[in-house]
């Protein structure tokens, strides 16, 4: 049936490019201390106000993390360092890390279990760290937790998502009994339909935390396959392997246009959709990821002018 519009008003449908720009507008990006060192000034490549996560990988000293956080804050970017439970040996260390970040002015953190196979000490999960109350003590006002659209074999070895869903229910309840502003930041995935189904399932399970969906930035196909296998991104691998079967596609960089456009258009059509923004993993490099995002947002000239 044709839509009947009120007299004197015109419909202004959201076009694909408009939807994509709107969806990308709140993007965040992830760096590591060693990759951040390669960028002379983030103000020349990222829009002002972009949230920058700092990944804390096993073996990286806290001094490298705080030095990177201080530098990014000085350049005007909100910083969200990872706090991986399995790298924190005890409460005293957690207090020390949070105090260091607070003294710099950091007020946000991504709290996750972390990828270390063996815990360094007392903590094995983000929930155990949240229960300490230390994030509130040290003035952290925004806490993000990990999400896994394709499951996590470390948490659910049987291939289900039973434990993952139970953990997200616990975190939802945590926000209801505290004043924590919380959201989910996910592992990267490549196929829009399973992502949308997963997000809708969380809503159905009364898990109402906003979702920042992990998206891999532009990269060589071989690079993406390597990271996908290392990170346990299973079902989405078929997108990459299908492309790898076409030798003409192997030499062209993979970009996330298809998945971002599909999610953006779904968001435009369903404003209550719980994925609020993409979180970019710059697997092919921070510079190429920033160039890609600036191109889609139309912010390249503004970033270049600050160079």
C-alpha atoms as a PDB file:
ATOM      1  CA  UNK A   1       0.000   0.000   0.000  1.00  0.00           C
ATOM      2  CA  UNK A   2       1.337   3.463  -0.864  1.00  0.00           C
ATOM      3  CA  UNK A   3       2.279   5.656   2.065  1.00  0.00           C
ATOM      4  CA  UNK A   4      -0.054   8.645   2.532  1.00  0.00           C
ATOM      5  CA  UNK A   5       1.790  11.760   3.629  1.00  0.00           C
ATOM      6  CA  UNK A   6       0.309  14.801   5.375  1.00  0.00           C
ATOM      7  CA  UNK A   7      -0.526  17.620   2.953  1.00  0.00           C
ATOM      8  CA  UNK A   8       2.294  20.107   2.505  1.00  0.00           C
ATOM      9  CA  UNK A   9       5.059  17.772   3.671  1.00  0.00           C
ATOM     10  CA  UNK A  10       7.538  15.806   1.594  1.00  0.00           C
ATOM     11  CA  UNK A  11       9.160  12.507   2.412  1.00  0.00           C
ATOM     12  CA  UNK A  12      12.938  12.636   2.882  1.00  0.00           C
ATOM     13  CA  UNK A  13      14.119   9.040   2.753  1.00  0.00           C
ATOM     14  CA  UNK A  14      17.524   8.282   4.195  1.00  0.00           C
ATOM     15  CA  UNK A  15      19.831   7.368   1.329  1.00  0.00           C
ATOM     16  CA  UNK A  16      22.506   4.713   1.617  1.00  0.00           C
ATOM     17  CA  UNK A  17      25.300   7.255   1.923  1.00  0.00           C
ATOM     18  CA  UNK A  18      23.346   9.311   4.485  1.00  0.00           C
ATOM     19  CA  UNK A  19      22.681   6.201   6.536  1.00  0.00           C
ATOM     20  CA  UNK A  20      26.324   5.186   6.396  1.00  0.00           C
ATOM     21  CA  UNK A  21      27.552   8.619   7.474  1.00  0.00           C
ATOM     22  CA  UNK A  22      25.071   8.666  10.341  1.00  0.00           C
ATOM     23  CA  UNK A  23      26.138   5.200  11.468  1.00  0.00           C
ATOM     24  CA  UNK A  24      29.856   5.956  11.204  1.00  0.00           C
ATOM     25  CA  UNK A  25      29.500   9.254  13.027  1.00  0.00           C
ATOM     26  CA  UNK A  26      30.114   7.745  16.443  1.00  0.00           C
ATOM     27  CA  UNK A  27      32.861   5.313  15.433  1.00  0.00           C
ATOM     28  CA  UNK A  28      35.720   4.410  17.752  1.00  0.00           C
ATOM     29  CA  UNK A  29      39.074   2.885  16.885  1.00  0.00           C
ATOM     30  CA  UNK A  30      41.568   0.611  18.619  1.00  0.00           C
ATOM     31  CA  UNK A  31      45.336   1.053  18.873  1.00  0.00           C
ATOM     32  CA  UNK A  32      48.215  -0.604  20.679  1.00  0.00           C
ATOM     33  CA  UNK A  33      51.112   1.349  22.204  1.00  0.00           C
ATOM     34  CA  UNK A  34      53.527   0.120  19.544  1.00  0.00           C
ATOM     35  CA  UNK A  35      51.168   0.977  16.672  1.00  0.00           C
ATOM     36  CA  UNK A  36      50.303   4.356  18.175  1.00  0.00           C
ATOM     37  CA  UNK A  37      53.984   5.268  18.169  1.00  0.00           C
ATOM     38  CA  UNK A  38      53.924   5.181  14.355  1.00  0.00           C
ATOM     39  CA  UNK A  39      51.409   8.059  14.191  1.00  0.00           C
ATOM     40  CA  UNK A  40      53.074  11.472  14.734  1.00  0.00           C
ATOM     41  CA  UNK A  41      49.804  13.205  15.641  1.00  0.00           C
ATOM     42  CA  UNK A  42      46.370  11.566  15.760  1.00  0.00           C
ATOM     43  CA  UNK A  43      44.738  14.954  15.194  1.00  0.00           C
ATOM     44  CA  UNK A  44      45.866  14.809  11.579  1.00  0.00           C
ATOM     45  CA  UNK A  45      44.050  11.550  10.848  1.00  0.00           C
ATOM     46  CA  UNK A  46      41.036  11.232  13.185  1.00  0.00           C
ATOM     47  CA  UNK A  47      37.980  13.458  13.614  1.00  0.00           C
ATOM     48  CA  UNK A  48      37.998  15.422  16.860  1.00  0.00           C
ATOM     49  CA  UNK A  49      36.411  13.563  19.755  1.00  0.00           C
ATOM     50  CA  UNK A  50      36.964  10.059  18.387  1.00  0.00           C
ATOM     51  CA  UNK A  51      37.112   7.542  21.222  1.00  0.00           C
ATOM     52  CA  UNK A  52      40.391   5.623  21.083  1.00  0.00           C
ATOM     53  CA  UNK A  53      40.685   2.255  22.800  1.00  0.00           C
ATOM     54  CA  UNK A  54      44.166   1.133  23.863  1.00  0.00           C
ATOM     55  CA  UNK A  55      44.561  -2.634  23.678  1.00  0.00           C
ATOM     56  CA  UNK A  56      46.509  -4.124  26.587  1.00  0.00           C
ATOM     57  CA  UNK A  57      48.234  -7.188  25.191  1.00  0.00           C
ATOM     58  CA  UNK A  58      50.064  -9.754  27.296  1.00  0.00           C
ATOM     59  CA  UNK A  59      53.631  -8.586  27.883  1.00  0.00           C
ATOM     60  CA  UNK A  60      52.915  -4.859  27.466  1.00  0.00           C
ATOM     61  CA  UNK A  61      54.013  -2.919  30.591  1.00  0.00           C
ATOM     62  CA  UNK A  62      51.485  -0.632  32.247  1.00  0.00           C
ATOM     63  CA  UNK A  63      53.943   2.228  31.679  1.00  0.00           C
ATOM     64  CA  UNK A  64      53.533   1.835  27.908  1.00  0.00           C
ATOM     65  CA  UNK A  65      49.759   1.885  28.309  1.00  0.00           C
ATOM     66  CA  UNK A  66      49.697   5.018  30.438  1.00  0.00           C
ATOM     67  CA  UNK A  67      52.230   6.804  28.229  1.00  0.00           C
ATOM     68  CA  UNK A  68      49.998   6.151  25.206  1.00  0.00           C
ATOM     69  CA  UNK A  69      46.916   7.262  27.149  1.00  0.00           C
ATOM     70  CA  UNK A  70      48.616  10.497  28.226  1.00  0.00           C
ATOM     71  CA  UNK A  71      49.673  11.280  24.674  1.00  0.00           C
ATOM     72  CA  UNK A  72      46.188  10.683  23.231  1.00  0.00           C
ATOM     73  CA  UNK A  73      44.530  12.741  25.971  1.00  0.00           C
ATOM     74  CA  UNK A  74      46.940  15.586  25.265  1.00  0.00           C
ATOM     75  CA  UNK A  75      45.882  15.452  21.613  1.00  0.00           C
ATOM     76  CA  UNK A  76      42.253  15.781  22.679  1.00  0.00           C
ATOM     77  CA  UNK A  77      40.908  12.248  22.322  1.00  0.00           C
ATOM     78  CA  UNK A  78      38.808  10.391  24.909  1.00  0.00           C
ATOM     79  CA  UNK A  79      40.729   7.264  25.864  1.00  0.00           C
ATOM     80  CA  UNK A  80      39.385   3.826  26.779  1.00  0.00           C
ATOM     81  CA  UNK A  81      42.170   1.456  27.877  1.00  0.00           C
ATOM     82  CA  UNK A  82      41.600  -2.283  28.067  1.00  0.00           C
ATOM     83  CA  UNK A  83      41.699  -3.773  31.573  1.00  0.00           C
ATOM     84  CA  UNK A  84      42.132  -7.541  30.973  1.00  0.00           C
ATOM     85  CA  UNK A  85      41.302  -9.598  34.061  1.00  0.00           C
ATOM     86  CA  UNK A  86      43.755 -12.368  33.224  1.00  0.00           C
ATOM     87  CA  UNK A  87      46.677  -9.911  33.183  1.00  0.00           C
ATOM     88  CA  UNK A  88      45.919  -8.489  36.641  1.00  0.00           C
ATOM     89  CA  UNK A  89      47.615 -10.529  39.387  1.00  0.00           C
ATOM     90  CA  UNK A  90      45.830  -9.058  42.401  1.00  0.00           C
ATOM     91  CA  UNK A  91      43.692  -6.257  43.835  1.00  0.00           C
ATOM     92  CA  UNK A  92      46.727  -4.109  44.610  1.00  0.00           C
ATOM     93  CA  UNK A  93      47.767  -4.176  40.942  1.00  0.00           C
ATOM     94  CA  UNK A  94      44.246  -3.317  39.803  1.00  0.00           C
ATOM     95  CA  UNK A  95      44.204  -0.379  42.227  1.00  0.00           C
ATOM     96  CA  UNK A  96      47.597   0.753  40.938  1.00  0.00           C
ATOM     97  CA  UNK A  97      46.528   0.634  37.285  1.00  0.00           C
ATOM     98  CA  UNK A  98      43.250   2.446  37.930  1.00  0.00           C
ATOM     99  CA  UNK A  99      44.985   5.096  40.026  1.00  0.00           C
ATOM    100  CA  UNK A 100      47.514   5.714  37.236  1.00  0.00           C
ATOM    101  CA  UNK A 101      44.747   6.134  34.695  1.00  0.00           C
ATOM    102  CA  UNK A 102      42.676   8.335  36.989  1.00  0.00           C
ATOM    103  CA  UNK A 103      45.648  10.612  37.641  1.00  0.00           C
ATOM    104  CA  UNK A 104      45.889  11.148  33.870  1.00  0.00           C
ATOM    105  CA  UNK A 105      42.192  11.972  33.587  1.00  0.00           C
ATOM    106  CA  UNK A 106      41.003   8.670  32.098  1.00  0.00           C
ATOM    107  CA  UNK A 107      37.360   7.972  32.988  1.00  0.00           C
ATOM    108  CA  UNK A 108      36.519   5.069  30.657  1.00  0.00           C
ATOM    109  CA  UNK A 109      37.653   1.456  30.378  1.00  0.00           C
ATOM    110  CA  UNK A 110      36.929  -1.701  28.429  1.00  0.00           C
ATOM    111  CA  UNK A 111      36.790  -4.490  30.994  1.00  0.00           C
ATOM    112  CA  UNK A 112      37.320  -7.976  29.629  1.00  0.00           C
ATOM    113  CA  UNK A 113      38.721 -11.356  30.540  1.00  0.00           C
ATOM    114  CA  UNK A 114      41.618 -11.051  28.097  1.00  0.00           C
ATOM    115  CA  UNK A 115      43.254 -13.581  25.823  1.00  0.00           C
ATOM    116  CA  UNK A 116      45.930 -14.959  28.164  1.00  0.00           C
ATOM    117  CA  UNK A 117      45.507 -18.718  28.532  1.00  0.00           C
ATOM    118  CA  UNK A 118      46.633 -18.694  32.158  1.00  0.00           C
ATOM    119  CA  UNK A 119      45.458 -16.009  34.604  1.00  0.00           C
ATOM    120  CA  UNK A 120      48.241 -13.970  36.176  1.00  0.00           C
ATOM    121  CA  UNK A 121      46.563 -14.231  39.553  1.00  0.00           C
ATOM    122  CA  UNK A 122      43.238 -13.590  41.253  1.00  0.00           C
ATOM    123  CA  UNK A 123      40.986 -12.607  38.349  1.00  0.00           C
ATOM    124  CA  UNK A 124      39.667 -14.651  35.455  1.00  0.00           C
ATOM    125  CA  UNK A 125      36.647 -12.606  34.371  1.00  0.00           C
ATOM    126  CA  UNK A 126      35.467  -9.038  34.003  1.00  0.00           C
ATOM    127  CA  UNK A 127      32.698  -9.744  36.502  1.00  0.00           C
ATOM    128  CA  UNK A 128      35.201 -10.450  39.260  1.00  0.00           C
ATOM    129  CA  UNK A 129      36.856  -7.092  38.636  1.00  0.00           C
ATOM    130  CA  UNK A 130      33.537  -5.243  38.495  1.00  0.00           C
ATOM    131  CA  UNK A 131      32.555  -6.727  41.860  1.00  0.00           C
ATOM    132  CA  UNK A 132      35.578  -5.084  43.525  1.00  0.00           C
ATOM    133  CA  UNK A 133      33.910  -1.680  43.266  1.00  0.00           C
ATOM    134  CA  UNK A 134      37.269  -0.149  42.360  1.00  0.00           C
ATOM    135  CA  UNK A 135      36.135   1.345  39.081  1.00  0.00           C
ATOM    136  CA  UNK A 136      33.614   3.439  40.988  1.00  0.00           C
ATOM    137  CA  UNK A 137      36.197   4.282  43.659  1.00  0.00           C
ATOM    138  CA  UNK A 138      38.576   5.664  41.040  1.00  0.00           C
ATOM    139  CA  UNK A 139      35.948   7.649  39.199  1.00  0.00           C
ATOM    140  CA  UNK A 140      35.395   5.617  36.034  1.00  0.00           C
ATOM    141  CA  UNK A 141      32.105   6.843  34.586  1.00  0.00           C
ATOM    142  CA  UNK A 142      31.839   4.641  31.479  1.00  0.00           C
ATOM    143  CA  UNK A 143      32.552   0.910  31.386  1.00  0.00           C
ATOM    144  CA  UNK A 144      32.392  -1.232  28.273  1.00  0.00           C
ATOM    145  CA  UNK A 145      32.394  -5.028  28.337  1.00  0.00           C
ATOM    146  CA  UNK A 146      33.171  -7.595  25.660  1.00  0.00           C
ATOM    147  CA  UNK A 147      30.645  -9.093  23.264  1.00  0.00           C
ATOM    148  CA  UNK A 148      30.978 -12.057  20.907  1.00  0.00           C
ATOM    149  CA  UNK A 149      28.500 -12.129  18.003  1.00  0.00           C
ATOM    150  CA  UNK A 150      29.863 -15.513  16.886  1.00  0.00           C
ATOM    151  CA  UNK A 151      30.352 -16.996  20.343  1.00  0.00           C
ATOM    152  CA  UNK A 152      33.590 -17.608  22.211  1.00  0.00           C
ATOM    153  CA  UNK A 153      35.111 -21.076  22.433  1.00  0.00           C
ATOM    154  CA  UNK A 154      37.152 -20.095  25.519  1.00  0.00           C
ATOM    155  CA  UNK A 155      33.943 -19.253  27.410  1.00  0.00           C
ATOM    156  CA  UNK A 156      31.673 -21.855  25.808  1.00  0.00           C
ATOM    157  CA  UNK A 157      33.848 -24.786  24.650  1.00  0.00           C
ATOM    158  CA  UNK A 158      30.752 -26.735  23.596  1.00  0.00           C
ATOM    159  CA  UNK A 159      30.071 -24.224  20.821  1.00  0.00           C
ATOM    160  CA  UNK A 160      26.946 -22.803  22.445  1.00  0.00           C
ATOM    161  CA  UNK A 161      26.678 -19.266  23.798  1.00  0.00           C
ATOM    162  CA  UNK A 162      25.108 -20.215  27.110  1.00  0.00           C
ATOM    163  CA  UNK A 163      27.850 -18.803  29.344  1.00  0.00           C
ATOM    164  CA  UNK A 164      28.324 -15.704  27.196  1.00  0.00           C
ATOM    165  CA  UNK A 165      24.615 -14.848  27.425  1.00  0.00           C
ATOM    166  CA  UNK A 166      24.572 -15.538  31.165  1.00  0.00           C
ATOM    167  CA  UNK A 167      27.521 -13.175  31.643  1.00  0.00           C
ATOM    168  CA  UNK A 168      25.792 -10.424  29.672  1.00  0.00           C
ATOM    169  CA  UNK A 169      22.664 -10.876  31.775  1.00  0.00           C
ATOM    170  CA  UNK A 170      24.817 -10.414  34.888  1.00  0.00           C
ATOM    171  CA  UNK A 171      26.359  -7.240  33.444  1.00  0.00           C
ATOM    172  CA  UNK A 172      22.941  -5.871  32.551  1.00  0.00           C
ATOM    173  CA  UNK A 173      21.835  -6.464  36.138  1.00  0.00           C
ATOM    174  CA  UNK A 174      25.040  -4.751  37.320  1.00  0.00           C
ATOM    175  CA  UNK A 175      24.057  -1.557  35.519  1.00  0.00           C
ATOM    176  CA  UNK A 176      20.632  -1.725  37.142  1.00  0.00           C
ATOM    177  CA  UNK A 177      22.028  -1.930  40.679  1.00  0.00           C
ATOM    178  CA  UNK A 178      24.789   0.632  40.151  1.00  0.00           C
ATOM    179  CA  UNK A 179      25.087   3.943  38.326  1.00  0.00           C
ATOM    180  CA  UNK A 180      27.579   2.548  35.796  1.00  0.00           C
ATOM    181  CA  UNK A 181      27.115   3.680  32.191  1.00  0.00           C
ATOM    182  CA  UNK A 182      27.824   0.454  30.348  1.00  0.00           C
ATOM    183  CA  UNK A 183      27.874  -0.788  26.757  1.00  0.00           C
ATOM    184  CA  UNK A 184      29.074  -3.839  24.840  1.00  0.00           C
ATOM    185  CA  UNK A 185      32.071  -3.649  22.505  1.00  0.00           C
ATOM    186  CA  UNK A 186      32.368  -6.734  20.325  1.00  0.00           C
ATOM    187  CA  UNK A 187      34.894  -8.837  18.512  1.00  0.00           C
ATOM    188  CA  UNK A 188      34.972  -8.112  14.781  1.00  0.00           C
ATOM    189  CA  UNK A 189      32.710  -9.949  12.353  1.00  0.00           C
ATOM    190  CA  UNK A 190      32.135  -9.733   8.609  1.00  0.00           C
ATOM    191  CA  UNK A 191      28.569 -10.861   7.856  1.00  0.00           C
ATOM    192  CA  UNK A 192      25.686  -8.470   8.564  1.00  0.00           C
ATOM    193  CA  UNK A 193      22.817 -10.964   8.839  1.00  0.00           C
ATOM    194  CA  UNK A 194      24.282 -12.965  11.774  1.00  0.00           C
ATOM    195  CA  UNK A 195      25.290  -9.707  13.480  1.00  0.00           C
ATOM    196  CA  UNK A 196      21.748  -8.360  13.228  1.00  0.00           C
ATOM    197  CA  UNK A 197      20.294 -11.664  14.447  1.00  0.00           C
ATOM    198  CA  UNK A 198      22.671 -11.679  17.424  1.00  0.00           C
ATOM    199  CA  UNK A 199      21.837  -8.099  18.377  1.00  0.00           C
ATOM    200  CA  UNK A 200      18.108  -8.825  18.119  1.00  0.00           C
ATOM    201  CA  UNK A 201      18.576 -11.909  20.274  1.00  0.00           C
ATOM    202  CA  UNK A 202      20.157  -9.827  23.034  1.00  0.00           C
ATOM    203  CA  UNK A 203      17.097  -7.576  23.000  1.00  0.00           C
ATOM    204  CA  UNK A 204      14.871 -10.643  23.247  1.00  0.00           C
ATOM    205  CA  UNK A 205      16.941 -11.856  26.220  1.00  0.00           C
ATOM    206  CA  UNK A 206      16.351  -8.471  27.946  1.00  0.00           C
ATOM    207  CA  UNK A 207      20.007  -7.529  27.520  1.00  0.00           C
ATOM    208  CA  UNK A 208      19.517  -3.869  26.711  1.00  0.00           C
ATOM    209  CA  UNK A 209      23.109  -2.649  26.735  1.00  0.00           C
ATOM    210  CA  UNK A 210      24.040  -0.544  23.681  1.00  0.00           C
ATOM    211  CA  UNK A 211      26.347  -2.356  21.258  1.00  0.00           C
ATOM    212  CA  UNK A 212      29.485  -1.008  19.597  1.00  0.00           C
ATOM    213  CA  UNK A 213      30.027  -3.549  16.851  1.00  0.00           C
ATOM    214  CA  UNK A 214      33.562  -4.633  15.999  1.00  0.00           C
ATOM    215  CA  UNK A 215      34.465  -4.092  12.339  1.00  0.00           C
ATOM    216  CA  UNK A 216      37.805  -4.884  10.712  1.00  0.00           C
ATOM    217  CA  UNK A 217      39.229  -1.937   8.810  1.00  0.00           C
ATOM    218  CA  UNK A 218      40.693  -2.196   5.294  1.00  0.00           C
ATOM    219  CA  UNK A 219      43.431  -4.824   5.024  1.00  0.00           C
ATOM    220  CA  UNK A 220      44.894  -7.464   2.766  1.00  0.00           C
ATOM    221  CA  UNK A 221      42.714 -10.535   2.639  1.00  0.00           C
ATOM    222  CA  UNK A 222      45.535 -12.749   3.940  1.00  0.00           C
ATOM    223  CA  UNK A 223      45.902 -10.438   6.957  1.00  0.00           C
ATOM    224  CA  UNK A 224      42.202 -10.630   7.792  1.00  0.00           C
ATOM    225  CA  UNK A 225      42.132 -14.420   7.513  1.00  0.00           C
ATOM    226  CA  UNK A 226      45.135 -14.662   9.835  1.00  0.00           C
ATOM    227  CA  UNK A 227      43.531 -12.426  12.474  1.00  0.00           C
ATOM    228  CA  UNK A 228      40.135 -14.099  12.114  1.00  0.00           C
ATOM    229  CA  UNK A 229      41.639 -17.523  12.765  1.00  0.00           C
ATOM    230  CA  UNK A 230      43.697 -16.252  15.716  1.00  0.00           C
ATOM    231  CA  UNK A 231      40.707 -14.524  17.295  1.00  0.00           C
ATOM    232  CA  UNK A 232      38.273 -17.390  16.840  1.00  0.00           C
ATOM    233  CA  UNK A 233      36.040 -15.590  14.367  1.00  0.00           C
ATOM    234  CA  UNK A 234      34.595 -18.755  12.878  1.00  0.00           C
ATOM    235  CA  UNK A 235      31.347 -18.350  10.928  1.00  0.00           C
ATOM    236  CA  UNK A 236      32.452 -15.068   9.319  1.00  0.00           C
ATOM    237  CA  UNK A 237      35.494 -16.786   7.884  1.00  0.00           C
ATOM    238  CA  UNK A 238      33.302 -18.049   5.038  1.00  0.00           C
ATOM    239  CA  UNK A 239      33.003 -14.475   3.761  1.00  0.00           C
ATOM    240  CA  UNK A 240      36.777 -14.240   3.546  1.00  0.00           C
ATOM    241  CA  UNK A 241      37.367 -17.721   2.173  1.00  0.00           C
ATOM    242  CA  UNK A 242      34.769 -17.181  -0.564  1.00  0.00           C
ATOM    243  CA  UNK A 243      36.622 -14.088  -1.603  1.00  0.00           C
ATOM    244  CA  UNK A 244      39.983 -15.857  -1.357  1.00  0.00           C
ATOM    245  CA  UNK A 245      38.749 -18.451  -3.846  1.00  0.00           C
ATOM    246  CA  UNK A 246      38.587 -15.683  -6.457  1.00  0.00           C
ATOM    247  CA  UNK A 247      42.199 -14.926  -7.330  1.00  0.00           C
ATOM    248  CA  UNK A 248      41.252 -11.535  -8.747  1.00  0.00           C
ATOM    249  CA  UNK A 249      39.958 -10.567  -5.297  1.00  0.00           C
ATOM    250  CA  UNK A 250      43.100 -11.692  -3.508  1.00  0.00           C
ATOM    251  CA  UNK A 251      45.132  -8.743  -4.785  1.00  0.00           C
ATOM    252  CA  UNK A 252      42.546  -6.117  -3.836  1.00  0.00           C
ATOM    253  CA  UNK A 253      42.306  -4.785  -0.251  1.00  0.00           C
ATOM    254  CA  UNK A 254      39.252  -5.924   1.648  1.00  0.00           C
ATOM    255  CA  UNK A 255      37.051  -3.056   2.857  1.00  0.00           C
ATOM    256  CA  UNK A 256      34.094  -3.286   5.240  1.00  0.00           C
ATOM    257  CA  UNK A 257      31.726  -1.414   2.909  1.00  0.00           C
ATOM    258  CA  UNK A 258      29.245  -4.270   2.562  1.00  0.00           C
ATOM    259  CA  UNK A 259      28.810  -5.018   6.265  1.00  0.00           C
ATOM    260  CA  UNK A 260      28.806  -1.346   7.314  1.00  0.00           C
ATOM    261  CA  UNK A 261      26.279  -0.357   4.655  1.00  0.00           C
ATOM    262  CA  UNK A 262      23.961  -3.226   5.569  1.00  0.00           C
ATOM    263  CA  UNK A 263      24.115  -2.379   9.275  1.00  0.00           C
ATOM    264  CA  UNK A 264      23.688   1.335   8.587  1.00  0.00           C
ATOM    265  CA  UNK A 265      20.621   0.769   6.424  1.00  0.00           C
ATOM    266  CA  UNK A 266      19.138  -1.591   9.002  1.00  0.00           C
ATOM    267  CA  UNK A 267      19.720   1.034  11.692  1.00  0.00           C
ATOM    268  CA  UNK A 268      18.083   3.714   9.546  1.00  0.00           C
ATOM    269  CA  UNK A 269      15.047   1.494   9.007  1.00  0.00           C
ATOM    270  CA  UNK A 270      14.901   0.387  12.662  1.00  0.00           C
ATOM    271  CA  UNK A 271      15.885   3.358  14.876  1.00  0.00           C
ATOM    272  CA  UNK A 272      15.558   1.258  18.028  1.00  0.00           C
ATOM    273  CA  UNK A 273      18.194  -1.186  16.792  1.00  0.00           C
ATOM    274  CA  UNK A 274      20.658  -1.694  19.647  1.00  0.00           C
ATOM    275  CA  UNK A 275      23.889  -1.406  17.628  1.00  0.00           C
ATOM    276  CA  UNK A 276      24.769   2.249  18.075  1.00  0.00           C
ATOM    277  CA  UNK A 277      28.149   2.597  16.325  1.00  0.00           C
ATOM    278  CA  UNK A 278      31.053   0.659  14.819  1.00  0.00           C
ATOM    279  CA  UNK A 279      34.298  -0.002  16.647  1.00  0.00           C
ATOM    280  CA  UNK A 280      37.128  -0.246  14.129  1.00  0.00           C
ATOM    281  CA  UNK A 281      39.968  -2.743  14.397  1.00  0.00           C
ATOM    282  CA  UNK A 282      42.699  -1.287  12.124  1.00  0.00           C
ATOM    283  CA  UNK A 283      44.123  -4.666  11.144  1.00  0.00           C
ATOM    284  CA  UNK A 284      45.615  -3.209   7.961  1.00  0.00           C
ATOM    285  CA  UNK A 285      47.107  -0.221   9.761  1.00  0.00           C
ATOM    286  CA  UNK A 286      45.779   2.868  11.529  1.00  0.00           C
ATOM    287  CA  UNK A 287      46.522   5.161   8.594  1.00  0.00           C
ATOM    288  CA  UNK A 288      44.550   3.160   5.989  1.00  0.00           C
ATOM    289  CA  UNK A 289      41.662   2.728   8.445  1.00  0.00           C
ATOM    290  CA  UNK A 290      41.559   6.465   9.150  1.00  0.00           C
ATOM    291  CA  UNK A 291      41.710   7.275   5.430  1.00  0.00           C
ATOM    292  CA  UNK A 292      38.823   4.914   4.769  1.00  0.00           C
ATOM    293  CA  UNK A 293      36.685   6.421   7.548  1.00  0.00           C
ATOM    294  CA  UNK A 294      37.431  10.008   6.564  1.00  0.00           C
ATOM    295  CA  UNK A 295      36.504   9.210   2.959  1.00  0.00           C
ATOM    296  CA  UNK A 296      33.121   7.764   3.984  1.00  0.00           C
ATOM    297  CA  UNK A 297      32.422  10.570   6.446  1.00  0.00           C
ATOM    298  CA  UNK A 298      33.657  13.396   4.240  1.00  0.00           C
ATOM    299  CA  UNK A 299      36.111  14.469   6.943  1.00  0.00           C
ATOM    300  CA  UNK A 300      39.316  13.867   4.993  1.00  0.00           C
ATOM    301  CA  UNK A 301      39.797  17.536   4.141  1.00  0.00           C
ATOM    302  CA  UNK A 302      39.279  18.616   7.741  1.00  0.00           C
ATOM    303  CA  UNK A 303      41.820  16.075   8.979  1.00  0.00           C
ATOM    304  CA  UNK A 304      44.275  17.038   6.255  1.00  0.00           C
ATOM    305  CA  UNK A 305      43.926  20.721   7.141  1.00  0.00           C
ATOM    306  CA  UNK A 306      45.179  19.968  10.633  1.00  0.00           C
ATOM    307  CA  UNK A 307      48.282  18.217   9.279  1.00  0.00           C
END
